[in-house]
Each structure stands twice: as C-alpha cells, then as structure tokens.
Amino acid sequence: ETYKKYYCGLCHDLKRYGGFATHA
C-alpha cells in the first residue's frame, strides 16, 4: 500500500508539467 501511494504520488506530481508527463 505504501509503494502504491508513492507510485500514485509520482503520477500526481508529474501532472504539474502537463498530462503528457505522466507517460514518463
């Protein structure tokens, strides 16, 4: 669960650069 939360947190923060960034 902790790992999933960090994974989703990275996705959340990538969106600051635009939706395209989540593909990174």
PDB file of all heavy atoms in Angstrom:
ATOM      1  N   GLU A   1       0.829  -1.206   0.000  1.00  0.00           N
ATOM      2  CA  GLU A   1       0.000   0.000   0.000  1.00  0.00           C
ATOM      3  C   GLU A   1       0.863   1.257   0.000  1.00  0.00           C
ATOM      4  O   GLU A   1       0.558   2.232  -0.693  1.00  0.00           O
ATOM      5  CB  GLU A   1      -0.943   0.000   1.205  1.00  0.00           C
ATOM      6  CG  GLU A   1      -2.074  -1.007   1.097  1.00  0.00           C
ATOM      7  CD  GLU A   1      -2.906  -0.811  -0.173  1.00  0.00           C
ATOM      8  OE1 GLU A   1      -3.300   0.350  -0.450  1.00  0.00           O
ATOM      9  OE2 GLU A   1      -3.138  -1.802  -0.893  1.00  0.00           O
ATOM     10  N   THR A   2       1.941   1.241   0.787  1.00  0.00           N
ATOM     11  CA  THR A   2       2.864   2.386   0.806  1.00  0.00           C
ATOM     12  C   THR A   2       3.482   2.600  -0.567  1.00  0.00           C
ATOM     13  O   THR A   2       3.557   3.731  -1.066  1.00  0.00           O
ATOM     14  CB  THR A   2       3.985   2.171   1.845  1.00  0.00           C
ATOM     15  OG1 THR A   2       3.407   2.096   3.146  1.00  0.00           O
ATOM     16  CG2 THR A   2       4.995   3.310   1.811  1.00  0.00           C
ATOM     17  N   TYR A   3       3.919   1.508  -1.190  1.00  0.00           N
ATOM     18  CA  TYR A   3       4.508   1.613  -2.528  1.00  0.00           C
ATOM     19  C   TYR A   3       3.520   2.207  -3.523  1.00  0.00           C
ATOM     20  O   TYR A   3       3.864   3.087  -4.318  1.00  0.00           O
ATOM     21  CB  TYR A   3       4.981   0.239  -3.005  1.00  0.00           C
ATOM     22  CG  TYR A   3       5.794   0.311  -4.274  1.00  0.00           C
ATOM     23  CD1 TYR A   3       7.172   0.518  -4.227  1.00  0.00           C
ATOM     24  CD2 TYR A   3       5.188   0.206  -5.530  1.00  0.00           C
ATOM     25  CE1 TYR A   3       7.918   0.612  -5.390  1.00  0.00           C
ATOM     26  CE2 TYR A   3       5.920   0.299  -6.686  1.00  0.00           C
ATOM     27  CZ  TYR A   3       7.281   0.505  -6.613  1.00  0.00           C
ATOM     28  OH  TYR A   3       8.017   0.619  -7.763  1.00  0.00           O
ATOM     29  N   LYS A   4       2.279   1.733  -3.482  1.00  0.00           N
ATOM     30  CA  LYS A   4       1.253   2.253  -4.384  1.00  0.00           C
ATOM     31  C   LYS A   4       1.040   3.754  -4.172  1.00  0.00           C
ATOM     32  O   LYS A   4       0.854   4.508  -5.135  1.00  0.00           O
ATOM     33  CB  LYS A   4      -0.065   1.515  -4.162  1.00  0.00           C
ATOM     34  CG  LYS A   4      -0.101   0.091  -4.688  1.00  0.00           C
ATOM     35  CD  LYS A   4      -1.460  -0.549  -4.392  1.00  0.00           C
ATOM     36  CE  LYS A   4      -1.558  -1.964  -4.895  1.00  0.00           C
ATOM     37  NZ  LYS A   4      -2.872  -2.575  -4.532  1.00  0.00           N
ATOM     38  N   LYS A   5       1.065   4.185  -2.914  1.00  0.00           N
ATOM     39  CA  LYS A   5       0.851   5.604  -2.612  1.00  0.00           C
ATOM     40  C   LYS A   5       1.979   6.470  -3.184  1.00  0.00           C
ATOM     41  O   LYS A   5       1.744   7.561  -3.699  1.00  0.00           O
ATOM     42  CB  LYS A   5       0.734   5.816  -1.109  1.00  0.00           C
ATOM     43  CG  LYS A   5      -0.559   5.288  -0.505  1.00  0.00           C
ATOM     44  CD  LYS A   5      -0.568   5.435   1.006  1.00  0.00           C
ATOM     45  CE  LYS A   5      -1.828   4.835   1.618  1.00  0.00           C
ATOM     46  NZ  LYS A   5      -1.826   4.920   3.095  1.00  0.00           N
ATOM     47  N   TYR A   6       3.208   5.974  -3.091  1.00  0.00           N
ATOM     48  CA  TYR A   6       4.326   6.728  -3.676  1.00  0.00           C
ATOM     49  C   TYR A   6       4.251   6.709  -5.205  1.00  0.00           C
ATOM     50  O   TYR A   6       4.556   7.712  -5.857  1.00  0.00           O
ATOM     51  CB  TYR A   6       5.667   6.152  -3.199  1.00  0.00           C
ATOM     52  CG  TYR A   6       6.138   6.747  -1.900  1.00  0.00           C
ATOM     53  CD1 TYR A   6       5.824   6.147  -0.687  1.00  0.00           C
ATOM     54  CD2 TYR A   6       6.881   7.928  -1.873  1.00  0.00           C
ATOM     55  CE1 TYR A   6       6.246   6.697   0.522  1.00  0.00           C
ATOM     56  CE2 TYR A   6       7.314   8.475  -0.682  1.00  0.00           C
ATOM     57  CZ  TYR A   6       6.991   7.865   0.512  1.00  0.00           C
ATOM     58  OH  TYR A   6       7.406   8.418   1.699  1.00  0.00           O
ATOM     59  N   TYR A   7       3.861   5.578  -5.756  1.00  0.00           N
ATOM     60  CA  TYR A   7       3.702   5.480  -7.213  1.00  0.00           C
ATOM     61  C   TYR A   7       2.671   6.505  -7.695  1.00  0.00           C
ATOM     62  O   TYR A   7       2.910   7.249  -8.656  1.00  0.00           O
ATOM     63  CB  TYR A   7       3.268   4.060  -7.580  1.00  0.00           C
ATOM     64  CG  TYR A   7       3.168   3.799  -9.069  1.00  0.00           C
ATOM     65  CD1 TYR A   7       4.263   3.314  -9.778  1.00  0.00           C
ATOM     66  CD2 TYR A   7       1.978   4.029  -9.757  1.00  0.00           C
ATOM     67  CE1 TYR A   7       4.168   3.067 -11.138  1.00  0.00           C
ATOM     68  CE2 TYR A   7       1.875   3.782 -11.116  1.00  0.00           C
ATOM     69  CZ  TYR A   7       2.976   3.301 -11.802  1.00  0.00           C
ATOM     70  OH  TYR A   7       2.892   3.071 -13.149  1.00  0.00           O
ATOM     71  N   CYS A   8       1.525   6.540  -7.008  1.00  0.00           N
ATOM     72  CA  CYS A   8       0.476   7.495  -7.378  1.00  0.00           C
ATOM     73  C   CYS A   8       0.915   8.929  -7.086  1.00  0.00           C
ATOM     74  O   CYS A   8       0.515   9.861  -7.790  1.00  0.00           O
ATOM     75  CB  CYS A   8      -0.816   7.173  -6.632  1.00  0.00           C
ATOM     76  SG  CYS A   8      -1.599   5.636  -7.181  1.00  0.00           S
ATOM     77  N   GLY A   9       1.746   9.104  -6.068  1.00  0.00           N
ATOM     78  CA  GLY A   9       2.276  10.432  -5.768  1.00  0.00           C
ATOM     79  C   GLY A   9       3.181  10.956  -6.869  1.00  0.00           C
ATOM     80  O   GLY A   9       3.138  12.144  -7.219  1.00  0.00           O
ATOM     81  N   LEU A  10       3.986  10.063  -7.444  1.00  0.00           N
ATOM     82  CA  LEU A  10       4.822  10.454  -8.586  1.00  0.00           C
ATOM     83  C   LEU A  10       3.953  10.871  -9.757  1.00  0.00           C
ATOM     84  O   LEU A  10       4.228  11.882 -10.422  1.00  0.00           O
ATOM     85  CB  LEU A  10       5.722   9.291  -8.996  1.00  0.00           C
ATOM     86  CG  LEU A  10       7.172   9.268  -8.512  1.00  0.00           C
ATOM     87  CD1 LEU A  10       7.973  10.367  -9.155  1.00  0.00           C
ATOM     88  CD2 LEU A  10       7.265   9.322  -7.015  1.00  0.00           C
ATOM     89  N   CYS A  11       2.918  10.101 -10.020  1.00  0.00           N
ATOM     90  CA  CYS A  11       1.996  10.424 -11.115  1.00  0.00           C
ATOM     91  C   CYS A  11       1.328  11.780 -10.858  1.00  0.00           C
ATOM     92  O   CYS A  11       1.218  12.616 -11.761  1.00  0.00           O
ATOM     93  CB  CYS A  11       0.952   9.323 -11.243  1.00  0.00           C
ATOM     94  SG  CYS A  11      -0.131   9.480 -12.681  1.00  0.00           S
ATOM     95  N   HIS A  12       0.902  11.996  -9.625  1.00  0.00           N
ATOM     96  CA  HIS A  12       0.277  13.261  -9.225  1.00  0.00           C
ATOM     97  C   HIS A  12       1.225  14.437  -9.486  1.00  0.00           C
ATOM     98  O   HIS A  12       0.821  15.474 -10.032  1.00  0.00           O
ATOM     99  CB  HIS A  12      -0.089  13.198  -7.743  1.00  0.00           C
ATOM    100  CG  HIS A  12      -0.533  14.497  -7.155  1.00  0.00           C
ATOM    101  ND1 HIS A  12      -1.834  14.960  -7.253  1.00  0.00           N
ATOM    102  CD2 HIS A  12       0.160  15.449  -6.463  1.00  0.00           C
ATOM    103  CE1 HIS A  12      -1.923  16.135  -6.651  1.00  0.00           C
ATOM    104  NE2 HIS A  12      -0.740  16.452  -6.165  1.00  0.00           N
ATOM    105  N   ASP A  13       2.499  14.276  -9.109  1.00  0.00           N
ATOM    106  CA  ASP A  13       3.461  15.375  -9.270  1.00  0.00           C
ATOM    107  C   ASP A  13       3.880  15.581 -10.719  1.00  0.00           C
ATOM    108  O   ASP A  13       4.182  16.711 -11.127  1.00  0.00           O
ATOM    109  CB  ASP A  13       4.694  15.117  -8.390  1.00  0.00           C
ATOM    110  CG  ASP A  13       4.381  15.282  -6.911  1.00  0.00           C
ATOM    111  OD1 ASP A  13       3.475  16.063  -6.578  1.00  0.00           O
ATOM    112  OD2 ASP A  13       5.037  14.631  -6.078  1.00  0.00           O
ATOM    113  N   LEU A  14       3.900  14.511 -11.494  1.00  0.00           N
ATOM    114  CA  LEU A  14       4.231  14.654 -12.915  1.00  0.00           C
ATOM    115  C   LEU A  14       3.199  15.499 -13.644  1.00  0.00           C
ATOM    116  O   LEU A  14       3.532  16.218 -14.594  1.00  0.00           O
ATOM    117  CB  LEU A  14       4.333  13.275 -13.570  1.00  0.00           C
ATOM    118  CG  LEU A  14       5.639  12.511 -13.337  1.00  0.00           C
ATOM    119  CD1 LEU A  14       5.480  11.045 -13.708  1.00  0.00           C
ATOM    120  CD2 LEU A  14       6.794  13.139 -14.116  1.00  0.00           C
ATOM    121  N   LYS A  15       1.943  15.436 -13.195  1.00  0.00           N
ATOM    122  CA  LYS A  15       0.878  16.195 -13.850  1.00  0.00           C
ATOM    123  C   LYS A  15       1.080  17.702 -13.737  1.00  0.00           C
ATOM    124  O   LYS A  15       0.440  18.460 -14.478  1.00  0.00           O
ATOM    125  CB  LYS A  15      -0.486  15.791 -13.274  1.00  0.00           C
ATOM    126  CG  LYS A  15      -0.969  14.436 -13.784  1.00  0.00           C
ATOM    127  CD  LYS A  15      -2.370  14.106 -13.327  1.00  0.00           C
ATOM    128  CE  LYS A  15      -2.426  13.731 -11.869  1.00  0.00           C
ATOM    129  NZ  LYS A  15      -3.733  13.166 -11.470  1.00  0.00           N
ATOM    130  N   ARG A  16       1.969  18.133 -12.846  1.00  0.00           N
ATOM    131  CA  ARG A  16       2.284  19.566 -12.752  1.00  0.00           C
ATOM    132  C   ARG A  16       2.869  20.079 -14.072  1.00  0.00           C
ATOM    133  O   ARG A  16       2.777  21.264 -14.388  1.00  0.00           O
ATOM    134  CB  ARG A  16       3.300  19.838 -11.638  1.00  0.00           C
ATOM    135  CG  ARG A  16       2.795  19.572 -10.226  1.00  0.00           C
ATOM    136  CD  ARG A  16       3.883  19.861  -9.219  1.00  0.00           C
ATOM    137  NE  ARG A  16       5.069  19.079  -9.493  1.00  0.00           N
ATOM    138  CZ  ARG A  16       6.309  19.520  -9.343  1.00  0.00           C
ATOM    139  NH1 ARG A  16       6.530  20.755  -8.962  1.00  0.00           N
ATOM    140  NH2 ARG A  16       7.338  18.741  -9.592  1.00  0.00           N
ATOM    141  N   TYR A  17       3.501  19.172 -14.811  1.00  0.00           N
ATOM    142  CA  TYR A  17       4.135  19.560 -16.070  1.00  0.00           C
ATOM    143  C   TYR A  17       3.194  19.397 -17.265  1.00  0.00           C
ATOM    144  O   TYR A  17       3.557  19.738 -18.391  1.00  0.00           O
ATOM    145  CB  TYR A  17       5.395  18.716 -16.296  1.00  0.00           C
ATOM    146  CG  TYR A  17       6.414  18.881 -15.205  1.00  0.00           C
ATOM    147  CD1 TYR A  17       6.658  17.860 -14.288  1.00  0.00           C
ATOM    148  CD2 TYR A  17       7.141  20.055 -15.067  1.00  0.00           C
ATOM    149  CE1 TYR A  17       7.599  18.004 -13.279  1.00  0.00           C
ATOM    150  CE2 TYR A  17       8.081  20.211 -14.067  1.00  0.00           C
ATOM    151  CZ  TYR A  17       8.307  19.174 -13.174  1.00  0.00           C
ATOM    152  OH  TYR A  17       9.232  19.325 -12.164  1.00  0.00           O
ATOM    153  N   GLY A  18       2.019  18.857 -17.017  1.00  0.00           N
ATOM    154  CA  GLY A  18       1.052  18.606 -18.090  1.00  0.00           C
ATOM    155  C   GLY A  18       0.690  17.134 -18.131  1.00  0.00           C
ATOM    156  O   GLY A  18       1.466  16.273 -17.690  1.00  0.00           O
ATOM    157  N   GLY A  19      -0.479  16.828 -18.654  1.00  0.00           N
ATOM    158  CA  GLY A  19      -0.944  15.452 -18.689  1.00  0.00           C
ATOM    159  C   GLY A  19       0.006  14.510 -19.412  1.00  0.00           C
ATOM    160  O   GLY A  19       0.118  13.334 -19.049  1.00  0.00           O
ATOM    161  N   PHE A  20       0.713  15.005 -20.414  1.00  0.00           N
ATOM    162  CA  PHE A  20       1.627  14.165 -21.185  1.00  0.00           C
ATOM    163  C   PHE A  20       2.738  13.587 -20.312  1.00  0.00           C
ATOM    164  O   PHE A  20       3.274  12.506 -20.588  1.00  0.00           O
ATOM    165  CB  PHE A  20       2.270  14.991 -22.323  1.00  0.00           C
ATOM    166  CG  PHE A  20       3.404  15.858 -21.871  1.00  0.00           C
ATOM    167  CD1 PHE A  20       4.727  15.434 -21.997  1.00  0.00           C
ATOM    168  CD2 PHE A  20       3.167  17.100 -21.293  1.00  0.00           C
ATOM    169  CE1 PHE A  20       5.777  16.231 -21.567  1.00  0.00           C
ATOM    170  CE2 PHE A  20       4.203  17.906 -20.863  1.00  0.00           C
ATOM    171  CZ  PHE A  20       5.514  17.467 -21.007  1.00  0.00           C
ATOM    172  N   ALA A  21       3.089  14.322 -19.246  1.00  0.00           N
ATOM    173  CA  ALA A  21       4.240  13.948 -18.427  1.00  0.00           C
ATOM    174  C   ALA A  21       4.030  12.651 -17.665  1.00  0.00           C
ATOM    175  O   ALA A  21       4.998  11.984 -17.279  1.00  0.00           O
ATOM    176  CB  ALA A  21       4.572  15.076 -17.454  1.00  0.00           C
ATOM    177  N   THR A  22       2.778  12.245 -17.443  1.00  0.00           N
ATOM    178  CA  THR A  22       2.532  11.008 -16.703  1.00  0.00           C
ATOM    179  C   THR A  22       3.056   9.788 -17.461  1.00  0.00           C
ATOM    180  O   THR A  22       3.289   8.739 -16.856  1.00  0.00           O
ATOM    181  CB  THR A  22       1.025  10.826 -16.417  1.00  0.00           C
ATOM    182  OG1 THR A  22       0.299  10.800 -17.646  1.00  0.00           O
ATOM    183  CG2 THR A  22       0.505  11.961 -15.536  1.00  0.00           C
ATOM    184  N   HIS A  23       3.267   9.932 -18.764  1.00  0.00           N
ATOM    185  CA  HIS A  23       3.818   8.823 -19.546  1.00  0.00           C
ATOM    186  C   HIS A  23       5.291   8.571 -19.207  1.00  0.00           C
ATOM    187  O   HIS A  23       5.854   7.559 -19.622  1.00  0.00           O
ATOM    188  CB  HIS A  23       3.669   9.100 -21.038  1.00  0.00           C
ATOM    189  CG  HIS A  23       2.244   9.167 -21.494  1.00  0.00           C
ATOM    190  ND1 HIS A  23       1.423   8.061 -21.575  1.00  0.00           N
ATOM    191  CD2 HIS A  23       1.462  10.217 -21.862  1.00  0.00           C
ATOM    192  CE1 HIS A  23       0.223   8.412 -21.987  1.00  0.00           C
ATOM    193  NE2 HIS A  23       0.213   9.714 -22.168  1.00  0.00           N
ATOM    194  N   ALA A  24       5.899   9.494 -18.455  1.00  0.00           N
ATOM    195  CA  ALA A  24       7.299   9.327 -18.058  1.00  0.00           C
ATOM    196  C   ALA A  24       7.447   8.502 -16.789  1.00  0.00           C
ATOM    197  O   ALA A  24       8.555   8.136 -16.408  1.00  0.00           O
ATOM    198  CB  ALA A  24       7.947  10.708 -17.843  1.00  0.00           C
TER     199      ALA A  24
END
